[in-house]
């Protein structure tokens, strides 16, 4: 959050990262890492940058400097750092701050909608060399991430799932049956919407693969598009990068089942198991 705010202030001042770095006795790459939230923040550096960017209002400066303290305070998920990829830590922090998450998934049920047994099967598949204890810590982290979305007044989660995901048996029939039943249960929550992209559409707007769009309650913060890769992830927050994903997501929602149709489809799959 702080990094995105600093980037917007710098761009509004028409300064390059190199110029900002020179002002705080640092490199252009450090400014880049600060703006991406991939490095710790020093109060002195942020104070100097705010002065450079012309932020003189006391209330605005105090709010941004308070964000320095918050950014440097480890989140609850940091206790899982031993099993959490460094590139994914940023995402969990953004997820915690988001008020709306829209996600499209092709291969697996979205992590925020997985049962523990399903998540365990997915982790075993992707991490065959990890010990049972490490797998269980990963599963526990995923279950903790879900808690916000099942609470009263929790953030909004809107998921579009490819039909192939629901027909791909992960962990065996019993695990998959439990997972489908779980989707029916959470789909009844007021803040969770689940749609299914059916086979009948063939080619569609998101043939490029899975992605998520995170929106934040602060109106001055841009959306962030998260695209996970095999050993890393992309975090996109510039309007020209975000817009194609927003367009694709809107088209997916138009072409996918209605929430009622989702319940009917999943119920049919359960009856066939």
Protein backbone atom coordinates (compact mmCIF):
# COMPACT_ATOMS: atom_id res chain seq x y z
CA UNK A 1 0.00 0.00 0.00
CA UNK A 2 2.74 2.44 0.98
CA UNK A 3 4.81 1.55 -2.05
CA UNK A 4 1.91 2.21 -4.43
CA UNK A 5 1.26 5.57 -2.75
CA UNK A 6 4.92 6.58 -3.12
CA UNK A 7 4.89 5.60 -6.78
CA UNK A 8 1.81 7.73 -7.48
CA UNK A 9 3.31 10.71 -5.67
CA UNK A 10 6.56 10.35 -7.62
CA UNK A 11 4.75 10.11 -10.95
CA UNK A 12 2.57 13.12 -10.06
CA UNK A 13 5.79 15.04 -9.42
CA UNK A 14 7.11 13.92 -12.83
CA UNK A 15 10.28 12.51 -11.28
CA UNK A 16 12.11 9.38 -12.37
CA UNK A 17 13.08 6.58 -10.00
CA UNK A 18 16.70 7.52 -10.59
CA UNK A 19 16.04 11.12 -9.45
CA UNK A 20 14.16 9.92 -6.36
CA UNK A 21 16.96 7.49 -5.54
CA UNK A 22 19.61 10.19 -5.82
CA UNK A 23 17.62 12.35 -3.36
CA UNK A 24 17.76 9.68 -0.62
CA UNK A 25 21.29 8.52 -1.48
CA UNK A 26 20.07 5.26 -2.99
CA UNK A 27 19.82 3.55 -6.36
CA UNK A 28 16.98 3.50 -8.86
CA UNK A 29 16.50 -0.20 -8.10
CA UNK A 30 15.88 0.54 -4.40
CA UNK A 31 13.12 2.99 -5.31
CA UNK A 32 11.65 0.29 -7.55
CA UNK A 33 11.73 -2.25 -4.72
CA UNK A 34 10.18 0.27 -2.31
CA UNK A 35 7.35 1.00 -4.72
CA UNK A 36 6.73 -2.72 -5.19
CA UNK A 37 6.74 -3.32 -1.43
CA UNK A 38 9.67 -5.72 -1.68
CA UNK A 39 12.01 -4.00 0.76
CA UNK A 40 11.70 -2.59 4.26
CA UNK A 41 10.98 1.13 4.68
CA UNK A 42 13.13 3.57 6.66
CA UNK A 43 11.25 6.50 8.16
CA UNK A 44 13.99 8.93 7.15
CA UNK A 45 13.87 7.78 3.51
CA UNK A 46 10.09 8.14 3.34
CA UNK A 47 10.21 11.57 5.01
CA UNK A 48 12.79 12.75 2.45
CA UNK A 49 10.75 11.38 -0.44
CA UNK A 50 7.56 13.04 0.80
CA UNK A 51 9.42 16.37 0.94
CA UNK A 52 10.77 15.79 -2.56
CA UNK A 53 7.28 14.98 -3.82
CA UNK A 54 5.86 18.16 -2.30
CA UNK A 55 3.74 16.54 0.41
CA UNK A 56 3.54 19.32 2.99
CA UNK A 57 0.14 18.69 4.59
CA UNK A 58 0.78 17.46 8.14
CA UNK A 59 -2.18 15.08 8.22
CA UNK A 60 -1.18 13.48 4.91
CA UNK A 61 2.43 13.11 6.01
CA UNK A 62 1.42 11.56 9.34
CA UNK A 63 -0.87 9.06 7.58
CA UNK A 64 1.89 7.98 5.20
CA UNK A 65 4.50 7.77 7.96
CA UNK A 66 2.10 5.65 10.00
CA UNK A 67 2.02 3.31 7.01
CA UNK A 68 5.80 2.94 7.42
CA UNK A 69 5.28 1.51 10.89
CA UNK A 70 2.52 -0.78 9.66
CA UNK A 71 4.59 -1.93 6.68
CA UNK A 72 7.52 -2.82 8.93
CA UNK A 73 5.33 -4.74 11.40
CA UNK A 74 5.39 -8.44 10.45
CA UNK A 75 1.95 -9.82 9.57
CA UNK A 76 0.60 -12.98 11.18
CA UNK A 77 1.57 -14.94 8.08
CA UNK A 78 5.29 -14.26 8.58
CA UNK A 79 5.43 -17.10 11.12
CA UNK A 80 4.96 -19.38 8.11
CA UNK A 81 7.97 -17.93 6.29
CA UNK A 82 9.76 -21.29 6.32
CA UNK A 83 7.11 -22.76 4.01
CA UNK A 84 5.95 -19.56 2.30
CA UNK A 85 7.72 -18.63 -0.97
CA UNK A 86 9.20 -15.13 -0.76
CA UNK A 87 7.29 -14.02 -3.86
CA UNK A 88 3.99 -15.15 -2.31
CA UNK A 89 4.44 -13.20 0.93
CA UNK A 90 3.59 -9.99 -0.91
CA UNK A 91 0.35 -11.50 -2.15
CA UNK A 92 -0.82 -12.62 1.29
CA UNK A 93 -0.22 -9.10 2.60
CA UNK A 94 -2.24 -7.61 -0.27
CA UNK A 95 -4.97 -10.20 0.26
CA UNK A 96 -5.24 -9.19 3.92
CA UNK A 97 -5.78 -5.55 2.92
CA UNK A 98 -8.19 -6.18 0.04
CA UNK A 99 -11.91 -5.50 0.26
CA UNK A 100 -12.76 -7.32 -2.99
CA UNK A 101 -10.96 -10.22 -4.67
CA UNK A 102 -12.01 -11.46 -8.10
CA UNK A 103 -10.28 -14.59 -9.29
CA UNK A 104 -10.32 -16.92 -12.28
CA UNK A 105 -8.91 -20.43 -11.88
CA UNK A 106 -8.27 -23.11 -14.49
CA UNK A 107 -6.31 -25.89 -12.81
CA UNK A 108 -7.48 -26.07 -9.18
CA UNK A 109 -10.29 -24.79 -7.01
CA UNK A 110 -9.18 -21.31 -5.81
CA UNK A 111 -7.13 -21.56 -2.62
CA UNK A 112 -9.59 -19.44 -0.63
CA UNK A 113 -12.32 -22.00 -1.41
CA UNK A 114 -10.38 -25.21 -0.85
CA UNK A 115 -11.04 -27.75 1.90
CA UNK A 116 -8.08 -28.85 4.02
CA UNK A 117 -8.05 -32.30 2.38
CA UNK A 118 -8.11 -30.84 -1.13
CA UNK A 119 -5.38 -28.31 -0.25
CA UNK A 120 -3.28 -31.11 1.22
CA UNK A 121 -3.56 -33.12 -2.01
CA UNK A 122 -2.61 -30.06 -4.10
CA UNK A 123 0.44 -29.30 -1.94
CA UNK A 124 1.62 -32.92 -2.04
CA UNK A 125 1.36 -32.84 -5.81
CA UNK A 126 3.36 -29.64 -6.16
CA UNK A 127 5.87 -30.25 -3.35
CA UNK A 128 6.77 -33.96 -3.40
CA UNK A 129 10.01 -33.45 -1.42
CA UNK A 130 8.44 -31.69 1.55
CA UNK A 131 7.84 -33.47 4.86
CA UNK A 132 4.30 -34.13 6.17
CA UNK A 133 4.93 -31.42 8.79
CA UNK A 134 5.79 -28.83 6.13
CA UNK A 135 2.70 -29.77 4.13
CA UNK A 136 0.51 -29.38 7.20
CA UNK A 137 1.91 -25.89 7.88
CA UNK A 138 1.05 -24.90 4.32
CA UNK A 139 -2.47 -26.25 4.74
CA UNK A 140 -2.91 -24.46 8.06
CA UNK A 141 -1.83 -21.16 6.48
CA UNK A 142 -4.39 -21.61 3.71
CA UNK A 143 -7.16 -22.32 6.21
CA UNK A 144 -6.23 -19.19 8.19
CA UNK A 145 -6.36 -17.08 5.04
CA UNK A 146 -9.93 -18.24 4.47
CA UNK A 147 -11.21 -17.12 7.87
CA UNK A 148 -11.71 -13.45 6.87
CA UNK A 149 -14.06 -14.47 4.08
CA UNK A 150 -16.41 -16.51 6.25
CA UNK A 151 -16.79 -13.83 8.92
CA UNK A 152 -19.70 -11.41 9.11
CA UNK A 153 -18.93 -8.33 6.98
CA UNK A 154 -15.92 -10.11 5.51
CA UNK A 155 -14.36 -9.00 2.21
CA UNK A 156 -16.04 -9.89 -1.08
CA UNK A 157 -14.79 -12.93 -2.97
CA UNK A 158 -15.97 -13.46 -6.54
CA UNK A 159 -14.57 -16.59 -8.18
CA UNK A 160 -14.95 -17.90 -11.72
CA UNK A 161 -13.85 -21.52 -11.99
CA UNK A 162 -13.31 -23.40 -15.23
CA UNK A 163 -15.60 -26.42 -15.52
CA UNK A 164 -12.57 -28.68 -16.07
CA UNK A 165 -11.41 -27.86 -12.54
CA UNK A 166 -14.57 -29.32 -11.04
CA UNK A 167 -14.33 -32.49 -13.12
CA UNK A 168 -10.65 -33.07 -12.36
CA UNK A 169 -10.49 -35.46 -9.39
CA UNK A 170 -7.88 -34.25 -6.91
CA UNK A 171 -7.04 -36.44 -3.92
CA UNK A 172 -9.55 -39.16 -4.81
CA UNK A 173 -13.34 -39.34 -5.02
CA UNK A 174 -13.99 -38.75 -1.32
CA UNK A 175 -11.80 -35.63 -1.19
CA UNK A 176 -13.35 -34.27 -4.36
CA UNK A 177 -16.88 -34.95 -3.16
CA UNK A 178 -16.17 -33.07 0.06
CA UNK A 179 -14.69 -30.19 -1.95
CA UNK A 180 -17.74 -29.88 -4.19
CA UNK A 181 -20.04 -29.93 -1.17
CA UNK A 182 -17.93 -27.21 0.42
CA UNK A 183 -18.34 -25.03 -2.67
CA UNK A 184 -22.11 -25.34 -2.36
CA UNK A 185 -21.94 -24.29 1.29
CA UNK A 186 -19.72 -21.23 0.83
CA UNK A 187 -21.64 -20.16 -2.28
CA UNK A 188 -24.57 -19.49 0.07
CA UNK A 189 -22.59 -16.86 1.98
CA UNK A 190 -23.62 -13.29 1.12
CA UNK A 191 -20.07 -12.09 0.34
CA UNK A 192 -19.02 -15.04 -1.85
CA UNK A 193 -20.05 -15.47 -5.48
CA UNK A 194 -19.04 -18.55 -7.49
CA UNK A 195 -19.52 -18.93 -11.23
CA UNK A 196 -18.40 -21.69 -13.58
CA UNK A 197 -17.03 -21.18 -17.09
CA UNK A 198 -18.71 -24.07 -18.97
CA UNK A 199 -17.13 -26.19 -21.69
CA UNK A 200 -19.76 -25.11 -24.21
CA UNK A 201 -18.10 -21.72 -24.70
CA UNK A 202 -14.89 -23.23 -26.05
CA UNK A 203 -12.47 -20.33 -26.47
CA UNK A 204 -13.08 -17.47 -24.06
CA UNK A 205 -11.66 -14.16 -22.80
CA UNK A 206 -9.13 -15.64 -20.36
CA UNK A 207 -7.38 -18.31 -22.42
CA UNK A 208 -4.09 -16.95 -21.07
CA UNK A 209 -4.66 -18.64 -17.71
CA UNK A 210 -5.53 -17.96 -14.09
CA UNK A 211 -5.32 -14.53 -12.48
CA UNK A 212 -6.73 -12.52 -9.58
CA UNK A 213 -7.73 -8.86 -9.23
CA UNK A 214 -7.51 -7.28 -5.79
CA UNK A 215 -9.34 -4.08 -4.90
CA UNK A 216 -8.76 -2.05 -1.74
CA UNK A 217 -11.05 0.11 0.41
CA UNK A 218 -8.83 3.20 -0.02
CA UNK A 219 -10.08 5.03 -3.11
CA UNK A 220 -6.63 6.35 -3.99
CA UNK A 221 -5.11 2.86 -4.24
CA UNK A 222 -5.15 1.17 -7.62
CA UNK A 223 -6.26 -2.40 -8.16
CA UNK A 224 -3.54 -5.05 -8.28
CA UNK A 225 -3.56 -7.93 -10.75
CA UNK A 226 -1.81 -11.05 -9.50
CA UNK A 227 -0.62 -13.64 -12.02
CA UNK A 228 1.06 -16.68 -10.50
CA UNK A 229 3.74 -18.55 -12.40
CA UNK A 230 5.55 -21.80 -11.63
CA UNK A 231 8.33 -20.20 -9.57
CA UNK A 232 7.20 -16.65 -9.10
CA UNK A 233 4.42 -14.15 -9.73
CA UNK A 234 3.61 -10.88 -11.48
CA UNK A 235 2.06 -7.94 -9.61
CA UNK A 236 0.52 -5.40 -11.97
CA UNK A 237 -0.83 -2.07 -10.74
CA UNK A 238 -0.61 0.29 -13.71
CA UNK A 239 -3.88 1.14 -15.42
CA UNK A 240 -2.72 0.06 -18.87
CA UNK A 241 -1.78 -3.36 -17.46
CA UNK A 242 -4.89 -3.79 -15.31
CA UNK A 243 -7.55 -2.86 -17.88
CA UNK A 244 -7.17 -5.96 -20.12
CA UNK A 245 -7.63 -8.20 -17.08
CA UNK A 246 -10.70 -6.26 -15.93
CA UNK A 247 -12.18 -6.61 -19.40
CA UNK A 248 -11.43 -10.33 -19.46
CA UNK A 249 -12.96 -10.81 -16.00
CA UNK A 250 -16.14 -8.97 -16.96
CA UNK A 251 -16.48 -11.12 -20.08
CA UNK A 252 -15.91 -14.29 -18.06
CA UNK A 253 -18.67 -13.32 -15.66
CA UNK A 254 -21.07 -12.67 -18.54
CA UNK A 255 -20.35 -16.04 -20.17
CA UNK A 256 -20.25 -18.15 -16.99
CA UNK A 257 -23.11 -19.72 -15.06
CA UNK A 258 -25.25 -17.59 -12.81
CA UNK A 259 -24.84 -18.32 -9.08
CA UNK A 260 -28.01 -20.41 -9.28
CA UNK A 261 -26.67 -22.24 -12.31
CA UNK A 262 -23.46 -22.92 -10.41
CA UNK A 263 -25.38 -24.65 -7.63
CA UNK A 264 -27.26 -26.73 -10.19
CA UNK A 265 -24.05 -27.71 -12.02
CA UNK A 266 -22.13 -28.68 -8.87
CA UNK A 267 -25.15 -30.54 -7.51
CA UNK A 268 -25.27 -32.56 -10.72
CA UNK A 269 -21.59 -33.44 -10.43
CA UNK A 270 -22.11 -34.59 -6.85
CA UNK A 271 -24.99 -36.85 -7.84
CA UNK A 272 -22.77 -38.56 -10.42
CA UNK A 273 -19.98 -39.34 -7.92
